[in-house]
Amino acid sequence: MDSLPNQLGYLLLDEDGAVIASNGDLENDERIGSIIVKMLRAAKKQELGLGDAKDGFQRMTINYPDHCYIVCVSNKRIHVAKRLVSPSSEVIA
């Protein structure tokens, strides 16, 4: 997770939202972890694909003007990366 370009921080959560590992802006940020888990459960009213079923929720992106959160569910873990949004990626009208 440390090698993502423009990364500001990351969280690795278990299926209950407890912080397993963290870094940068998200270091030990249990509040953000809890919010992310609630959003995932609201988006897909099931066990987030963390069980044996392969049809569960897998990805979510939360966009803000200057940064975004990329959330992936894999191997019974929730991976959250906070990335800086590059000004050069904006569409010029």
PDB file of N, CA and C in Angstrom:
ATOM      1  N   MET A   1       0.826  -1.206   0.000  1.00  0.00           N
ATOM      2  CA  MET A   1       0.000   0.000   0.000  1.00  0.00           C
ATOM      3  C   MET A   1       0.868   1.268   0.000  1.00  0.00           C
ATOM      4  N   ASP A   2       2.079   1.192   0.460  1.00  0.00           N
ATOM      5  CA  ASP A   2       2.926   2.382   0.529  1.00  0.00           C
ATOM      6  C   ASP A   2       3.362   2.903  -0.833  1.00  0.00           C
ATOM      7  N   SER A   3       3.228   2.102  -1.880  1.00  0.00           N
ATOM      8  CA  SER A   3       3.764   2.490  -3.179  1.00  0.00           C
ATOM      9  C   SER A   3       2.749   3.152  -4.108  1.00  0.00           C
ATOM     10  N   LEU A   4       1.532   3.410  -3.656  1.00  0.00           N
ATOM     11  CA  LEU A   4       0.544   4.063  -4.508  1.00  0.00           C
ATOM     12  C   LEU A   4       0.948   5.519  -4.765  1.00  0.00           C
ATOM     13  N   PRO A   5       0.873   5.979  -6.024  1.00  0.00           N
ATOM     14  CA  PRO A   5       1.230   7.367  -6.304  1.00  0.00           C
ATOM     15  C   PRO A   5       0.265   8.345  -5.631  1.00  0.00           C
ATOM     16  N   ASN A   6       0.793   9.451  -5.163  1.00  0.00           N
ATOM     17  CA  ASN A   6       0.019  10.519  -4.516  1.00  0.00           C
ATOM     18  C   ASN A   6      -0.728  10.049  -3.273  1.00  0.00           C
ATOM     19  N   GLN A   7      -0.261   8.993  -2.636  1.00  0.00           N
ATOM     20  CA  GLN A   7      -0.936   8.491  -1.438  1.00  0.00           C
ATOM     21  C   GLN A   7      -0.642   9.386  -0.237  1.00  0.00           C
ATOM     22  N   LEU A   8      -1.702   9.730   0.489  1.00  0.00           N
ATOM     23  CA  LEU A   8      -1.569  10.532   1.697  1.00  0.00           C
ATOM     24  C   LEU A   8      -1.640   9.681   2.955  1.00  0.00           C
ATOM     25  N   GLY A   9      -2.209   8.479   2.837  1.00  0.00           N
ATOM     26  CA  GLY A   9      -2.310   7.585   3.981  1.00  0.00           C
ATOM     27  C   GLY A   9      -3.111   6.355   3.629  1.00  0.00           C
ATOM     28  N   TYR A  10      -3.086   5.356   4.516  1.00  0.00           N
ATOM     29  CA  TYR A  10      -3.879   4.159   4.299  1.00  0.00           C
ATOM     30  C   TYR A  10      -4.331   3.560   5.616  1.00  0.00           C
ATOM     31  N   LEU A  11      -5.395   2.773   5.529  1.00  0.00           N
ATOM     32  CA  LEU A  11      -5.917   1.991   6.646  1.00  0.00           C
ATOM     33  C   LEU A  11      -6.132   0.568   6.170  1.00  0.00           C
ATOM     34  N   LEU A  12      -5.832  -0.377   7.020  1.00  0.00           N
ATOM     35  CA  LEU A  12      -6.186  -1.764   6.800  1.00  0.00           C
ATOM     36  C   LEU A  12      -7.080  -2.149   7.969  1.00  0.00           C
ATOM     37  N   LEU A  13      -8.319  -2.544   7.648  1.00  0.00           N
ATOM     38  CA  LEU A  13      -9.322  -2.821   8.676  1.00  0.00           C
ATOM     39  C   LEU A  13      -9.759  -4.274   8.619  1.00  0.00           C
ATOM     40  N   ASP A  14     -10.181  -4.814   9.777  1.00  0.00           N
ATOM     41  CA  ASP A  14     -10.808  -6.133   9.739  1.00  0.00           C
ATOM     42  C   ASP A  14     -12.286  -5.946   9.422  1.00  0.00           C
ATOM     43  N   GLU A  15     -13.023  -7.039   9.338  1.00  0.00           N
ATOM     44  CA  GLU A  15     -14.425  -6.952   8.911  1.00  0.00           C
ATOM     45  C   GLU A  15     -15.311  -6.203   9.893  1.00  0.00           C
ATOM     46  N   ASP A  16     -14.852  -6.001  11.127  1.00  0.00           N
ATOM     47  CA  ASP A  16     -15.615  -5.227  12.116  1.00  0.00           C
ATOM     48  C   ASP A  16     -15.218  -3.755  12.134  1.00  0.00           C
ATOM     49  N   GLY A  17     -14.215  -3.377  11.345  1.00  0.00           N
ATOM     50  CA  GLY A  17     -13.770  -1.990  11.283  1.00  0.00           C
ATOM     51  C   GLY A  17     -12.614  -1.659  12.200  1.00  0.00           C
ATOM     52  N   ALA A  18     -12.045  -2.645  12.882  1.00  0.00           N
ATOM     53  CA  ALA A  18     -10.894  -2.402  13.753  1.00  0.00           C
ATOM     54  C   ALA A  18      -9.645  -2.198  12.900  1.00  0.00           C
ATOM     55  N   VAL A  19      -8.803  -1.240  13.298  1.00  0.00           N
ATOM     56  CA  VAL A  19      -7.585  -0.918  12.557  1.00  0.00           C
ATOM     57  C   VAL A  19      -6.533  -2.002  12.785  1.00  0.00           C
ATOM     58  N   ILE A  20      -6.057  -2.585  11.688  1.00  0.00           N
ATOM     59  CA  ILE A  20      -4.986  -3.580  11.739  1.00  0.00           C
ATOM     60  C   ILE A  20      -3.649  -2.904  11.461  1.00  0.00           C
ATOM     61  N   ALA A  21      -3.636  -2.019  10.453  1.00  0.00           N
ATOM     62  CA  ALA A  21      -2.430  -1.270  10.088  1.00  0.00           C
ATOM     63  C   ALA A  21      -2.861   0.080   9.537  1.00  0.00           C
ATOM     64  N   SER A  22      -1.979   1.069   9.661  1.00  0.00           N
ATOM     65  CA  SER A  22      -2.307   2.407   9.159  1.00  0.00           C
ATOM     66  C   SER A  22      -1.020   3.196   8.947  1.00  0.00           C
ATOM     67  N   ASN A  23      -1.174   4.323   8.225  1.00  0.00           N
ATOM     68  CA  ASN A  23      -0.025   5.158   7.935  1.00  0.00           C
ATOM     69  C   ASN A  23      -0.520   6.527   7.475  1.00  0.00           C
ATOM     70  N   GLY A  24       0.344   7.521   7.546  1.00  0.00           N
ATOM     71  CA  GLY A  24       0.066   8.851   7.004  1.00  0.00           C
ATOM     72  C   GLY A  24      -1.118   9.545   7.649  1.00  0.00           C
ATOM     73  N   ASP A  25      -1.925  10.225   6.829  1.00  0.00           N
ATOM     74  CA  ASP A  25      -3.084  10.987   7.315  1.00  0.00           C
ATOM     75  C   ASP A  25      -4.100  10.116   8.046  1.00  0.00           C
ATOM     76  N   LEU A  26      -4.121   8.833   7.754  1.00  0.00           N
ATOM     77  CA  LEU A  26      -5.119   7.935   8.341  1.00  0.00           C
ATOM     78  C   LEU A  26      -4.566   7.110   9.504  1.00  0.00           C
ATOM     79  N   GLU A  27      -3.394   7.442   9.988  1.00  0.00           N
ATOM     80  CA  GLU A  27      -2.773   6.659  11.053  1.00  0.00           C
ATOM     81  C   GLU A  27      -3.680   6.567  12.282  1.00  0.00           C
ATOM     82  N   ASN A  28      -4.042   5.340  12.633  1.00  0.00           N
ATOM     83  CA  ASN A  28      -4.896   5.024  13.784  1.00  0.00           C
ATOM     84  C   ASN A  28      -6.226   5.780  13.781  1.00  0.00           C
ATOM     85  N   ASP A  29      -6.741   6.102  12.612  1.00  0.00           N
ATOM     86  CA  ASP A  29      -7.985   6.864  12.512  1.00  0.00           C
ATOM     87  C   ASP A  29      -9.188   5.917  12.544  1.00  0.00           C
ATOM     88  N   GLU A  30      -9.583   5.522  13.736  1.00  0.00           N
ATOM     89  CA  GLU A  30     -10.708   4.606  13.923  1.00  0.00           C
ATOM     90  C   GLU A  30     -12.028   5.241  13.502  1.00  0.00           C
ATOM     91  N   ARG A  31     -12.134   6.549  13.605  1.00  0.00           N
ATOM     92  CA  ARG A  31     -13.362   7.252  13.222  1.00  0.00           C
ATOM     93  C   ARG A  31     -13.622   7.087  11.722  1.00  0.00           C
ATOM     94  N   ILE A  32     -12.613   7.331  10.901  1.00  0.00           N
ATOM     95  CA  ILE A  32     -12.762   7.156   9.449  1.00  0.00           C
ATOM     96  C   ILE A  32     -13.049   5.691   9.131  1.00  0.00           C
ATOM     97  N   GLY A  33     -12.364   4.787   9.816  1.00  0.00           N
ATOM     98  CA  GLY A  33     -12.606   3.359   9.610  1.00  0.00           C
ATOM     99  C   GLY A  33     -14.044   2.973   9.875  1.00  0.00           C
ATOM    100  N   SER A  34     -14.594   3.491  10.945  1.00  0.00           N
ATOM    101  CA  SER A  34     -15.989   3.213  11.299  1.00  0.00           C
ATOM    102  C   SER A  34     -16.946   3.776  10.258  1.00  0.00           C
ATOM    103  N   ILE A  35     -16.683   4.972   9.787  1.00  0.00           N
ATOM    104  CA  ILE A  35     -17.529   5.601   8.762  1.00  0.00           C
ATOM    105  C   ILE A  35     -17.484   4.799   7.466  1.00  0.00           C
ATOM    106  N   ILE A  36     -16.290   4.363   7.066  1.00  0.00           N
ATOM    107  CA  ILE A  36     -16.133   3.584   5.837  1.00  0.00           C
ATOM    108  C   ILE A  36     -16.923   2.280   5.931  1.00  0.00           C
ATOM    109  N   VAL A  37     -16.825   1.573   7.056  1.00  0.00           N
ATOM    110  CA  VAL A  37     -17.550   0.308   7.228  1.00  0.00           C
ATOM    111  C   VAL A  37     -19.054   0.549   7.150  1.00  0.00           C
ATOM    112  N   LYS A  38     -19.546   1.613   7.774  1.00  0.00           N
ATOM    113  CA  LYS A  38     -20.979   1.933   7.706  1.00  0.00           C
ATOM    114  C   LYS A  38     -21.412   2.234   6.273  1.00  0.00           C
ATOM    115  N   MET A  39     -20.579   2.952   5.528  1.00  0.00           N
ATOM    116  CA  MET A  39     -20.903   3.261   4.135  1.00  0.00           C
ATOM    117  C   MET A  39     -20.940   1.989   3.287  1.00  0.00           C
ATOM    118  N   LEU A  40     -19.999   1.092   3.503  1.00  0.00           N
ATOM    119  CA  LEU A  40     -19.982  -0.157   2.754  1.00  0.00           C
ATOM    120  C   LEU A  40     -21.221  -0.993   3.057  1.00  0.00           C
ATOM    121  N   ARG A  41     -21.589  -1.058   4.312  1.00  0.00           N
ATOM    122  CA  ARG A  41     -22.775  -1.835   4.686  1.00  0.00           C
ATOM    123  C   ARG A  41     -24.047  -1.211   4.129  1.00  0.00           C
ATOM    124  N   ALA A  42     -24.097   0.126   4.108  1.00  0.00           N
ATOM    125  CA  ALA A  42     -25.280   0.795   3.554  1.00  0.00           C
ATOM    126  C   ALA A  42     -25.348   0.601   2.036  1.00  0.00           C
ATOM    127  N   ALA A  43     -24.185   0.618   1.379  1.00  0.00           N
ATOM    128  CA  ALA A  43     -24.161   0.465  -0.077  1.00  0.00           C
ATOM    129  C   ALA A  43     -24.563  -0.942  -0.503  1.00  0.00           C
ATOM    130  N   LYS A  44     -24.236  -1.893   0.282  1.00  0.00           N
ATOM    131  CA  LYS A  44     -24.547  -3.282  -0.045  1.00  0.00           C
ATOM    132  C   LYS A  44     -24.973  -3.977   1.246  1.00  0.00           C
ATOM    133  N   LYS A  45     -26.240  -4.090   1.452  1.00  0.00           N
ATOM    134  CA  LYS A  45     -26.771  -4.607   2.715  1.00  0.00           C
ATOM    135  C   LYS A  45     -26.533  -6.103   2.838  1.00  0.00           C
ATOM    136  N   GLN A  46     -25.260  -6.430   2.980  1.00  0.00           N
ATOM    137  CA  GLN A  46     -24.843  -7.800   3.235  1.00  0.00           C
ATOM    138  C   GLN A  46     -23.494  -7.749   3.938  1.00  0.00           C
ATOM    139  N   GLU A  47     -22.848  -8.846   4.080  1.00  0.00           N
ATOM    140  CA  GLU A  47     -21.609  -8.916   4.847  1.00  0.00           C
ATOM    141  C   GLU A  47     -20.377  -8.472   4.064  1.00  0.00           C
ATOM    142  N   LEU A  48     -20.498  -7.507   3.160  1.00  0.00           N
ATOM    143  CA  LEU A  48     -19.389  -6.881   2.455  1.00  0.00           C
ATOM    144  C   LEU A  48     -18.559  -7.835   1.623  1.00  0.00           C
ATOM    145  N   GLY A  49     -19.024  -9.038   1.390  1.00  0.00           N
ATOM    146  CA  GLY A  49     -18.209  -9.993   0.650  1.00  0.00           C
ATOM    147  C   GLY A  49     -17.061 -10.540   1.456  1.00  0.00           C
ATOM    148  N   LEU A  50     -17.101 -10.339   2.770  1.00  0.00           N
ATOM    149  CA  LEU A  50     -16.010 -10.791   3.617  1.00  0.00           C
ATOM    150  C   LEU A  50     -16.144 -12.255   3.998  1.00  0.00           C
ATOM    151  N   GLY A  51     -17.305 -12.843   3.740  1.00  0.00           N
ATOM    152  CA  GLY A  51     -17.508 -14.250   4.042  1.00  0.00           C
ATOM    153  C   GLY A  51     -17.040 -15.119   2.883  1.00  0.00           C
ATOM    154  N   ASP A  52     -17.604 -16.301   2.793  1.00  0.00           N
ATOM    155  CA  ASP A  52     -17.218 -17.238   1.748  1.00  0.00           C
ATOM    156  C   ASP A  52     -17.815 -16.896   0.391  1.00  0.00           C
ATOM    157  N   ALA A  53     -18.924 -16.169   0.373  1.00  0.00           N
ATOM    158  CA  ALA A  53     -19.577 -15.818  -0.893  1.00  0.00           C
ATOM    159  C   ALA A  53     -18.698 -14.847  -1.680  1.00  0.00           C
ATOM    160  N   LYS A  54     -18.610 -15.036  -2.991  1.00  0.00           N
ATOM    161  CA  LYS A  54     -17.764 -14.192  -3.831  1.00  0.00           C
ATOM    162  C   LYS A  54     -18.540 -13.049  -4.491  1.00  0.00           C
ATOM    163  N   ASP A  55     -19.845 -12.936  -4.175  1.00  0.00           N
ATOM    164  CA  ASP A  55     -20.662 -11.931  -4.846  1.00  0.00           C
ATOM    165  C   ASP A  55     -20.820 -10.656  -4.029  1.00  0.00           C
ATOM    166  N   GLY A  56     -20.019 -10.456  -3.015  1.00  0.00           N
ATOM    167  CA  GLY A  56     -20.154  -9.298  -2.145  1.00  0.00           C
ATOM    168  C   GLY A  56     -19.520  -8.049  -2.731  1.00  0.00           C
ATOM    169  N   PHE A  57     -19.593  -6.979  -1.973  1.00  0.00           N
ATOM    170  CA  PHE A  57     -19.055  -5.686  -2.339  1.00  0.00           C
ATOM    171  C   PHE A  57     -17.533  -5.773  -2.449  1.00  0.00           C
ATOM    172  N   GLN A  58     -16.948  -5.122  -3.454  1.00  0.00           N
ATOM    173  CA  GLN A  58     -15.503  -5.200  -3.618  1.00  0.00           C
ATOM    174  C   GLN A  58     -14.792  -3.849  -3.670  1.00  0.00           C
ATOM    175  N   ARG A  59     -15.411  -2.810  -4.254  1.00  0.00           N
ATOM    176  CA  ARG A  59     -14.727  -1.525  -4.393  1.00  0.00           C
ATOM    177  C   ARG A  59     -15.671  -0.348  -4.207  1.00  0.00           C
ATOM    178  N   MET A  60     -15.098   0.750  -3.715  1.00  0.00           N
ATOM    179  CA  MET A  60     -15.841   2.015  -3.596  1.00  0.00           C
ATOM    180  C   MET A  60     -14.827   3.153  -3.654  1.00  0.00           C
ATOM    181  N   THR A  61     -15.186   4.225  -4.340  1.00  0.00           N
ATOM    182  CA  THR A  61     -14.357   5.428  -4.358  1.00  0.00           C
ATOM    183  C   THR A  61     -15.192   6.579  -3.825  1.00  0.00           C
ATOM    184  N   ILE A  62     -14.602   7.349  -2.914  1.00  0.00           N
ATOM    185  CA  ILE A  62     -15.266   8.511  -2.321  1.00  0.00           C
ATOM    186  C   ILE A  62     -14.448   9.729  -2.732  1.00  0.00           C
ATOM    187  N   ASN A  63     -15.045  10.607  -3.546  1.00  0.00           N
ATOM    188  CA  ASN A  63     -14.314  11.735  -4.122  1.00  0.00           C
ATOM    189  C   ASN A  63     -14.605  13.046  -3.406  1.00  0.00           C
ATOM    190  N   TYR A  64     -13.542  13.815  -3.198  1.00  0.00           N
ATOM    191  CA  TYR A  64     -13.595  15.178  -2.688  1.00  0.00           C
ATOM    192  C   TYR A  64     -12.808  16.039  -3.674  1.00  0.00           C
ATOM    193  N   PRO A  65     -12.935  17.369  -3.618  1.00  0.00           N
ATOM    194  CA  PRO A  65     -12.226  18.211  -4.585  1.00  0.00           C
ATOM    195  C   PRO A  65     -10.703  18.030  -4.571  1.00  0.00           C
ATOM    196  N   ASP A  66     -10.098  17.834  -3.401  1.00  0.00           N
ATOM    197  CA  ASP A  66      -8.641  17.763  -3.318  1.00  0.00           C
ATOM    198  C   ASP A  66      -8.074  16.375  -3.022  1.00  0.00           C
ATOM    199  N   HIS A  67      -8.923  15.426  -2.626  1.00  0.00           N
ATOM    200  CA  HIS A  67      -8.457  14.074  -2.338  1.00  0.00           C
ATOM    201  C   HIS A  67      -9.588  13.074  -2.548  1.00  0.00           C
ATOM    202  N   CYS A  68      -9.242  11.799  -2.507  1.00  0.00           N
ATOM    203  CA  CYS A  68     -10.254  10.758  -2.615  1.00  0.00           C
ATOM    204  C   CYS A  68      -9.860   9.590  -1.719  1.00  0.00           C
ATOM    205  N   TYR A  69     -10.854   8.783  -1.373  1.00  0.00           N
ATOM    206  CA  TYR A  69     -10.628   7.541  -0.642  1.00  0.00           C
ATOM    207  C   TYR A  69     -10.953   6.398  -1.592  1.00  0.00           C
ATOM    208  N   ILE A  70     -10.046   5.463  -1.706  1.00  0.00           N
ATOM    209  CA  ILE A  70     -10.263   4.271  -2.510  1.00  0.00           C
ATOM    210  C   ILE A  70     -10.385   3.117  -1.534  1.00  0.00           C
ATOM    211  N   VAL A  71     -11.523   2.424  -1.584  1.00  0.00           N
ATOM    212  CA  VAL A  71     -11.822   1.357  -0.635  1.00  0.00           C
ATOM    213  C   VAL A  71     -11.964   0.058  -1.412  1.00  0.00           C
ATOM    214  N   CYS A  72     -11.220  -0.957  -1.003  1.00  0.00           N
ATOM    215  CA  CYS A  72     -11.300  -2.287  -1.616  1.00  0.00           C
ATOM    216  C   CYS A  72     -11.483  -3.325  -0.523  1.00  0.00           C
ATOM    217  N   VAL A  73     -12.295  -4.332  -0.809  1.00  0.00           N
ATOM    218  CA  VAL A  73     -12.494  -5.442   0.108  1.00  0.00           C
ATOM    219  C   VAL A  73     -11.823  -6.658  -0.508  1.00  0.00           C
ATOM    220  N   SER A  74     -10.896  -7.263   0.258  1.00  0.00           N
ATOM    221  CA  SER A  74     -10.170  -8.426  -0.229  1.00  0.00           C
ATOM    222  C   SER A  74      -9.645  -9.237   0.950  1.00  0.00           C
ATOM    223  N   ASN A  75      -9.730 -10.562   0.832  1.00  0.00           N
ATOM    224  CA  ASN A  75      -9.188 -11.468   1.853  1.00  0.00           C
ATOM    225  C   ASN A  75      -9.696 -11.162   3.261  1.00  0.00           C
ATOM    226  N   LYS A  76     -11.001 -10.892   3.373  1.00  0.00           N
ATOM    227  CA  LYS A  76     -11.645 -10.586   4.651  1.00  0.00           C
ATOM    228  C   LYS A  76     -11.062  -9.342   5.318  1.00  0.00           C
ATOM    229  N   ARG A  77     -10.496  -8.463   4.511  1.00  0.00           N
ATOM    230  CA  ARG A  77      -9.930  -7.208   5.006  1.00  0.00           C
ATOM    231  C   ARG A  77     -10.457  -6.047   4.168  1.00  0.00           C
ATOM    232  N   ILE A  78     -10.512  -4.868   4.771  1.00  0.00           N
ATOM    233  CA  ILE A  78     -10.932  -3.651   4.081  1.00  0.00           C
ATOM    234  C   ILE A  78      -9.699  -2.761   3.943  1.00  0.00           C
ATOM    235  N   HIS A  79      -9.331  -2.459   2.714  1.00  0.00           N
ATOM    236  CA  HIS A  79      -8.161  -1.633   2.417  1.00  0.00           C
ATOM    237  C   HIS A  79      -8.665  -0.249   2.025  1.00  0.00           C
ATOM    238  N   VAL A  80      -8.162   0.787   2.713  1.00  0.00           N
ATOM    239  CA  VAL A  80      -8.567   2.167   2.433  1.00  0.00           C
ATOM    240  C   VAL A  80      -7.308   2.975   2.140  1.00  0.00           C
ATOM    241  N   ALA A  81      -7.268   3.626   0.982  1.00  0.00           N
ATOM    242  CA  ALA A  81      -6.158   4.510   0.636  1.00  0.00           C
ATOM    243  C   ALA A  81      -6.700   5.920   0.442  1.00  0.00           C
ATOM    244  N   LYS A  82      -6.026   6.885   1.029  1.00  0.00           N
ATOM    245  CA  LYS A  82      -6.367   8.290   0.815  1.00  0.00           C
ATOM    246  C   LYS A  82      -5.337   8.833  -0.171  1.00  0.00           C
ATOM    247  N   ARG A  83      -5.837   9.344  -1.323  1.00  0.00           N
ATOM    248  CA  ARG A  83      -4.949   9.834  -2.368  1.00  0.00           C
ATOM    249  C   ARG A  83      -5.234  11.284  -2.696  1.00  0.00           C
ATOM    250  N   LEU A  84      -4.184  12.003  -3.016  1.00  0.00           N
ATOM    251  CA  LEU A  84      -4.280  13.381  -3.472  1.00  0.00           C
ATOM    252  C   LEU A  84      -4.808  13.387  -4.895  1.00  0.00           C
ATOM    253  N   VAL A  85      -5.775  14.249  -5.173  1.00  0.00           N
ATOM    254  CA  VAL A  85      -6.283  14.385  -6.535  1.00  0.00           C
ATOM    255  C   VAL A  85      -5.391  15.373  -7.253  1.00  0.00           C
ATOM    256  N   SER A  86      -4.823  14.933  -8.349  1.00  0.00           N
ATOM    257  CA  SER A  86      -3.894  15.759  -9.103  1.00  0.00           C
ATOM    258  C   SER A  86      -4.649  16.853  -9.860  1.00  0.00           C
ATOM    259  N   PRO A  87      -4.219  18.106  -9.721  1.00  0.00           N
ATOM    260  CA  PRO A  87      -4.885  19.185 -10.470  1.00  0.00           C
ATOM    261  C   PRO A  87      -4.790  18.997 -11.977  1.00  0.00           C
ATOM    262  N   SER A  88      -3.770  18.298 -12.455  1.00  0.00           N
ATOM    263  CA  SER A  88      -3.615  18.097 -13.901  1.00  0.00           C
ATOM    264  C   SER A  88      -4.649  17.125 -14.460  1.00  0.00           C
ATOM    265  N   SER A  89      -5.322  16.365 -13.561  1.00  0.00           N
ATOM    266  CA  SER A  89      -6.330  15.409 -14.044  1.00  0.00           C
ATOM    267  C   SER A  89      -7.701  16.047 -14.231  1.00  0.00           C
ATOM    268  N   GLU A  90      -7.846  17.327 -13.876  1.00  0.00           N
ATOM    269  CA  GLU A  90      -9.119  18.010 -14.047  1.00  0.00           C
ATOM    270  C   GLU A  90      -9.395  18.278 -15.515  1.00  0.00           C
ATOM    271  N   VAL A  91     -10.652  18.225 -15.878  1.00  0.00           N
ATOM    272  CA  VAL A  91     -11.042  18.495 -17.250  1.00  0.00           C
ATOM    273  C   VAL A  91     -11.060  20.009 -17.476  1.00  0.00           C
ATOM    274  N   ILE A  92     -10.395  20.451 -18.519  1.00  0.00           N
ATOM    275  CA  ILE A  92     -10.340  21.884 -18.841  1.00  0.00           C
ATOM    276  C   ILE A  92     -11.402  22.164 -19.892  1.00  0.00           C
ATOM    277  N   ALA A  93     -12.302  23.105 -19.593  1.00  0.00           N
ATOM    278  CA  ALA A  93     -13.392  23.428 -20.520  1.00  0.00           C
ATOM    279  C   ALA A  93     -12.967  24.461 -21.518  1.00  0.00           C
TER     280      ALA A  93
END
